[in-house]
Amino acid sequence: MIERFHTTERRSKIVKHNGVAYLCGQVGEGETITEQTEECIRRIEALLEEAGSSPDRILQAVIWLSDMKHFQGMNAVWDAWVPEGHAPARACGEAKLAREALMVEIIITAACD
């Protein structure tokens, strides 16, 4: 069975299938990469909880930065958040994001109940 949460004509915020939760890309508001990454993580945590998952059950993360100069700042927030011993498979690259003010977008796949 496939479950979809917060579905619009364009996307679902969460899709669950066979014990896996797929989250849509999360962005954050703020003036700095630190603020935007922290807000992304807060949004991810809320969606993980709703999906019956948690940060220690993340399987994969795909992170897009508007400029690789933000890599160190994003990693400082990310590294403090990921539970020790539970680092997911991860990719990080540079891409033009949906709005010019955005510096980071994070896409998560996680095991769930």
N, C-alpha and C. Protein backbone atom coordinates (compact mmCIF):
# COMPACT_ATOMS: atom_id res chain seq x y z
N MET A 1 0.84 -1.18 0.00
CA MET A 1 0.00 0.00 0.00
C MET A 1 0.89 1.25 0.00
N ILE A 2 0.47 2.23 -0.74
CA ILE A 2 1.15 3.52 -0.78
C ILE A 2 0.28 4.53 -0.05
N GLU A 3 0.89 5.25 0.91
CA GLU A 3 0.18 6.32 1.63
C GLU A 3 0.82 7.66 1.26
N ARG A 4 -0.03 8.66 1.03
CA ARG A 4 0.44 10.00 0.70
C ARG A 4 -0.12 10.99 1.71
N PHE A 5 0.71 11.91 2.15
CA PHE A 5 0.33 12.90 3.16
C PHE A 5 0.54 14.30 2.61
N HIS A 6 -0.40 15.19 2.91
CA HIS A 6 -0.30 16.60 2.50
C HIS A 6 -0.11 16.70 0.97
N THR A 7 -1.01 16.05 0.27
CA THR A 7 -0.91 15.98 -1.18
C THR A 7 -1.62 17.16 -1.84
N THR A 8 -0.94 17.75 -2.80
CA THR A 8 -1.51 18.81 -3.64
C THR A 8 -1.44 18.31 -5.09
N GLU A 9 -1.81 19.15 -6.02
CA GLU A 9 -1.74 18.75 -7.43
C GLU A 9 -0.30 18.50 -7.89
N ARG A 10 0.67 19.06 -7.16
CA ARG A 10 2.07 18.99 -7.59
C ARG A 10 2.91 17.98 -6.81
N ARG A 11 2.60 17.78 -5.53
CA ARG A 11 3.47 16.92 -4.71
C ARG A 11 2.79 16.49 -3.43
N SER A 12 3.39 15.47 -2.81
CA SER A 12 3.03 15.06 -1.46
C SER A 12 4.23 15.36 -0.58
N LYS A 13 3.99 15.82 0.65
CA LYS A 13 5.12 16.09 1.55
C LYS A 13 5.76 14.80 2.03
N ILE A 14 4.94 13.74 2.16
CA ILE A 14 5.43 12.43 2.58
C ILE A 14 4.75 11.38 1.70
N VAL A 15 5.52 10.40 1.24
CA VAL A 15 4.98 9.21 0.61
C VAL A 15 5.58 8.03 1.34
N LYS A 16 4.71 7.13 1.84
CA LYS A 16 5.16 5.94 2.56
C LYS A 16 4.83 4.70 1.73
N HIS A 17 5.81 3.78 1.66
CA HIS A 17 5.60 2.52 0.93
C HIS A 17 6.59 1.49 1.46
N ASN A 18 6.07 0.32 1.80
CA ASN A 18 6.91 -0.80 2.25
C ASN A 18 7.90 -0.42 3.35
N GLY A 19 7.44 0.32 4.35
CA GLY A 19 8.28 0.66 5.49
C GLY A 19 9.31 1.75 5.23
N VAL A 20 9.13 2.50 4.14
CA VAL A 20 10.04 3.58 3.81
C VAL A 20 9.24 4.87 3.62
N ALA A 21 9.73 5.96 4.19
CA ALA A 21 9.12 7.28 4.02
C ALA A 21 10.01 8.11 3.12
N TYR A 22 9.41 8.69 2.11
CA TYR A 22 10.10 9.57 1.18
C TYR A 22 9.58 10.98 1.44
N LEU A 23 10.45 11.88 1.84
CA LEU A 23 10.04 13.25 2.13
C LEU A 23 10.35 14.14 0.94
N CYS A 24 9.45 15.09 0.69
CA CYS A 24 9.75 16.06 -0.36
C CYS A 24 10.88 16.96 0.13
N GLY A 25 11.51 17.66 -0.78
CA GLY A 25 12.61 18.54 -0.43
C GLY A 25 12.17 19.62 0.54
N GLN A 26 12.99 19.86 1.56
CA GLN A 26 12.69 20.87 2.57
C GLN A 26 13.69 22.02 2.46
N VAL A 27 13.16 23.22 2.57
CA VAL A 27 13.97 24.43 2.55
C VAL A 27 13.67 25.19 3.84
N GLY A 28 14.45 26.21 4.10
CA GLY A 28 14.23 27.01 5.29
C GLY A 28 14.40 28.48 4.99
N GLU A 29 13.79 29.29 5.82
CA GLU A 29 13.93 30.74 5.71
C GLU A 29 15.10 31.18 6.58
N GLY A 30 15.63 32.34 6.31
CA GLY A 30 16.71 32.88 7.12
C GLY A 30 17.71 33.59 6.24
N GLU A 31 18.55 34.36 6.89
CA GLU A 31 19.55 35.16 6.18
C GLU A 31 20.87 34.42 5.99
N THR A 32 21.10 33.36 6.77
CA THR A 32 22.38 32.65 6.72
C THR A 32 22.16 31.18 6.43
N ILE A 33 23.21 30.51 6.00
CA ILE A 33 23.12 29.07 5.76
C ILE A 33 22.80 28.33 7.06
N THR A 34 23.30 28.82 8.17
CA THR A 34 23.00 28.19 9.47
C THR A 34 21.51 28.26 9.76
N GLU A 35 20.91 29.43 9.63
CA GLU A 35 19.48 29.59 9.89
C GLU A 35 18.65 28.74 8.95
N GLN A 36 18.99 28.75 7.67
CA GLN A 36 18.21 27.97 6.72
C GLN A 36 18.34 26.47 6.96
N THR A 37 19.54 25.99 7.27
CA THR A 37 19.73 24.56 7.54
C THR A 37 19.00 24.16 8.81
N GLU A 38 19.06 24.98 9.85
CA GLU A 38 18.34 24.67 11.09
C GLU A 38 16.84 24.55 10.85
N GLU A 39 16.28 25.46 10.04
CA GLU A 39 14.85 25.38 9.76
C GLU A 39 14.52 24.16 8.91
N CYS A 40 15.36 23.84 7.93
CA CYS A 40 15.17 22.61 7.15
C CYS A 40 15.07 21.41 8.08
N ILE A 41 15.98 21.34 9.02
CA ILE A 41 16.02 20.21 9.94
C ILE A 41 14.78 20.17 10.82
N ARG A 42 14.31 21.31 11.29
CA ARG A 42 13.07 21.34 12.09
C ARG A 42 11.91 20.79 11.26
N ARG A 43 11.82 21.19 10.02
CA ARG A 43 10.75 20.71 9.14
C ARG A 43 10.89 19.21 8.88
N ILE A 44 12.11 18.76 8.67
CA ILE A 44 12.36 17.33 8.45
C ILE A 44 11.95 16.54 9.68
N GLU A 45 12.34 17.00 10.86
CA GLU A 45 11.97 16.30 12.10
C GLU A 45 10.46 16.16 12.24
N ALA A 46 9.71 17.21 11.93
CA ALA A 46 8.26 17.16 12.03
C ALA A 46 7.68 16.15 11.04
N LEU A 47 8.19 16.13 9.83
CA LEU A 47 7.70 15.17 8.83
C LEU A 47 8.09 13.74 9.20
N LEU A 48 9.31 13.55 9.69
CA LEU A 48 9.72 12.22 10.13
C LEU A 48 8.81 11.70 11.23
N GLU A 49 8.52 12.54 12.20
CA GLU A 49 7.64 12.13 13.30
C GLU A 49 6.26 11.74 12.76
N GLU A 50 5.73 12.55 11.87
CA GLU A 50 4.42 12.25 11.29
C GLU A 50 4.45 10.93 10.52
N ALA A 51 5.57 10.62 9.89
CA ALA A 51 5.70 9.39 9.12
C ALA A 51 6.00 8.17 9.98
N GLY A 52 6.21 8.38 11.30
CA GLY A 52 6.56 7.27 12.18
C GLY A 52 8.04 6.92 12.10
N SER A 53 8.86 7.93 11.93
CA SER A 53 10.29 7.73 11.83
C SER A 53 11.02 8.73 12.71
N SER A 54 12.35 8.79 12.57
CA SER A 54 13.17 9.69 13.38
C SER A 54 14.53 9.85 12.72
N PRO A 55 15.33 10.83 13.18
CA PRO A 55 16.64 11.06 12.55
C PRO A 55 17.56 9.84 12.55
N ASP A 56 17.45 8.95 13.52
CA ASP A 56 18.32 7.78 13.55
C ASP A 56 17.89 6.69 12.57
N ARG A 57 16.78 6.92 11.85
CA ARG A 57 16.28 5.95 10.87
C ARG A 57 16.41 6.46 9.44
N ILE A 58 17.12 7.58 9.26
CA ILE A 58 17.31 8.12 7.92
C ILE A 58 18.24 7.19 7.13
N LEU A 59 17.78 6.83 5.94
CA LEU A 59 18.55 5.96 5.07
C LEU A 59 19.43 6.75 4.11
N GLN A 60 18.87 7.83 3.56
CA GLN A 60 19.59 8.62 2.57
C GLN A 60 19.20 10.08 2.67
N ALA A 61 20.16 10.95 2.43
CA ALA A 61 19.92 12.39 2.35
C ALA A 61 20.56 12.91 1.07
N VAL A 62 19.80 13.72 0.35
CA VAL A 62 20.32 14.42 -0.82
C VAL A 62 20.23 15.90 -0.48
N ILE A 63 21.36 16.58 -0.52
CA ILE A 63 21.42 17.98 -0.12
C ILE A 63 21.87 18.81 -1.31
N TRP A 64 21.08 19.83 -1.62
CA TRP A 64 21.42 20.77 -2.68
C TRP A 64 21.76 22.11 -2.06
N LEU A 65 22.88 22.66 -2.45
CA LEU A 65 23.31 23.99 -2.01
C LEU A 65 23.30 24.92 -3.21
N SER A 66 22.89 26.15 -3.00
CA SER A 66 22.90 27.12 -4.10
C SER A 66 24.32 27.48 -4.50
N ASP A 67 25.26 27.29 -3.57
CA ASP A 67 26.67 27.58 -3.83
C ASP A 67 27.48 26.71 -2.87
N MET A 68 28.49 26.03 -3.37
CA MET A 68 29.29 25.14 -2.51
C MET A 68 30.04 25.90 -1.42
N LYS A 69 30.07 27.22 -1.49
CA LYS A 69 30.69 27.98 -0.41
C LYS A 69 29.92 27.79 0.90
N HIS A 70 28.68 27.31 0.82
CA HIS A 70 27.86 27.07 2.02
C HIS A 70 28.10 25.68 2.64
N PHE A 71 28.96 24.88 2.02
CA PHE A 71 29.17 23.49 2.44
C PHE A 71 29.57 23.38 3.91
N GLN A 72 30.55 24.15 4.32
CA GLN A 72 31.04 24.07 5.70
C GLN A 72 29.97 24.50 6.70
N GLY A 73 29.27 25.59 6.42
CA GLY A 73 28.23 26.06 7.33
C GLY A 73 27.07 25.09 7.45
N MET A 74 26.65 24.51 6.33
CA MET A 74 25.58 23.51 6.36
C MET A 74 26.05 22.29 7.14
N ASN A 75 27.27 21.83 6.89
CA ASN A 75 27.80 20.65 7.58
C ASN A 75 27.90 20.85 9.08
N ALA A 76 28.19 22.05 9.54
CA ALA A 76 28.28 22.31 10.98
C ALA A 76 26.94 22.02 11.65
N VAL A 77 25.85 22.44 11.01
CA VAL A 77 24.51 22.18 11.56
C VAL A 77 24.16 20.70 11.39
N TRP A 78 24.40 20.16 10.21
CA TRP A 78 24.08 18.76 9.91
C TRP A 78 24.80 17.82 10.88
N ASP A 79 26.11 18.01 11.03
CA ASP A 79 26.91 17.11 11.88
C ASP A 79 26.46 17.14 13.33
N ALA A 80 26.01 18.29 13.82
CA ALA A 80 25.52 18.38 15.20
C ALA A 80 24.17 17.71 15.35
N TRP A 81 23.42 17.55 14.26
CA TRP A 81 22.06 17.00 14.30
C TRP A 81 22.01 15.49 14.10
N VAL A 82 22.81 14.95 13.20
CA VAL A 82 22.74 13.52 12.89
C VAL A 82 23.21 12.72 14.10
N PRO A 83 22.37 11.77 14.57
CA PRO A 83 22.77 10.98 15.73
C PRO A 83 24.06 10.19 15.46
N GLU A 84 24.96 10.21 16.42
CA GLU A 84 26.23 9.52 16.27
C GLU A 84 25.99 8.05 15.93
N GLY A 85 26.71 7.56 14.94
CA GLY A 85 26.58 6.17 14.52
C GLY A 85 25.42 5.92 13.58
N HIS A 86 24.68 6.95 13.21
CA HIS A 86 23.50 6.78 12.35
C HIS A 86 23.57 7.68 11.11
N ALA A 87 24.76 7.96 10.63
CA ALA A 87 24.89 8.80 9.43
C ALA A 87 24.30 8.07 8.24
N PRO A 88 23.45 8.75 7.48
CA PRO A 88 22.83 8.11 6.31
C PRO A 88 23.78 8.14 5.11
N ALA A 89 23.42 7.39 4.07
CA ALA A 89 24.06 7.59 2.78
C ALA A 89 23.72 9.02 2.38
N ARG A 90 24.68 9.76 1.82
CA ARG A 90 24.43 11.17 1.57
C ARG A 90 25.12 11.64 0.30
N ALA A 91 24.44 12.53 -0.40
CA ALA A 91 25.02 13.22 -1.54
C ALA A 91 24.80 14.71 -1.33
N CYS A 92 25.73 15.51 -1.78
CA CYS A 92 25.60 16.96 -1.66
C CYS A 92 26.17 17.58 -2.92
N GLY A 93 25.39 18.46 -3.52
CA GLY A 93 25.84 19.11 -4.74
C GLY A 93 25.32 20.53 -4.83
N GLU A 94 25.73 21.20 -5.87
CA GLU A 94 25.32 22.58 -6.10
C GLU A 94 24.26 22.61 -7.19
N ALA A 95 23.20 23.39 -6.95
CA ALA A 95 22.12 23.52 -7.93
C ALA A 95 21.43 24.86 -7.76
N LYS A 96 20.83 25.33 -8.82
CA LYS A 96 19.99 26.52 -8.73
C LYS A 96 18.69 26.08 -8.06
N LEU A 97 18.34 26.73 -6.95
CA LEU A 97 17.15 26.35 -6.19
C LEU A 97 15.94 27.18 -6.64
N ALA A 98 14.77 26.84 -6.13
CA ALA A 98 13.51 27.41 -6.61
C ALA A 98 13.41 28.93 -6.47
N ARG A 99 14.00 29.46 -5.42
CA ARG A 99 14.00 30.92 -5.21
C ARG A 99 15.43 31.37 -4.95
N GLU A 100 15.74 32.56 -5.38
CA GLU A 100 17.11 33.07 -5.26
C GLU A 100 17.60 33.14 -3.82
N ALA A 101 16.71 33.41 -2.87
CA ALA A 101 17.11 33.55 -1.47
C ALA A 101 17.46 32.21 -0.82
N LEU A 102 17.05 31.11 -1.43
CA LEU A 102 17.31 29.79 -0.84
C LEU A 102 18.76 29.40 -1.02
N MET A 103 19.34 28.85 0.07
CA MET A 103 20.72 28.39 0.04
C MET A 103 20.85 26.89 0.14
N VAL A 104 19.80 26.21 0.67
CA VAL A 104 19.89 24.77 0.90
C VAL A 104 18.51 24.13 0.74
N GLU A 105 18.51 22.92 0.19
CA GLU A 105 17.32 22.08 0.14
C GLU A 105 17.77 20.67 0.49
N ILE A 106 17.01 20.01 1.37
CA ILE A 106 17.38 18.67 1.83
C ILE A 106 16.23 17.71 1.54
N ILE A 107 16.56 16.58 0.93
CA ILE A 107 15.59 15.54 0.58
C ILE A 107 15.97 14.30 1.38
N ILE A 108 14.99 13.72 2.08
CA ILE A 108 15.25 12.62 3.00
C ILE A 108 14.43 11.38 2.62
N THR A 109 15.07 10.20 2.75
CA THR A 109 14.41 8.91 2.68
C THR A 109 14.74 8.20 3.99
N ALA A 110 13.69 7.67 4.66
CA ALA A 110 13.90 7.08 5.99
C ALA A 110 13.05 5.83 6.18
N ALA A 111 13.54 4.92 7.00
CA ALA A 111 12.75 3.78 7.42
C ALA A 111 11.66 4.29 8.35
N CYS A 112 10.49 3.66 8.29
CA CYS A 112 9.38 4.11 9.14
C CYS A 112 8.56 2.92 9.59
N ASP A 113 7.61 3.19 10.50
CA ASP A 113 6.72 2.13 11.01
C ASP A 113 5.68 1.78 9.97
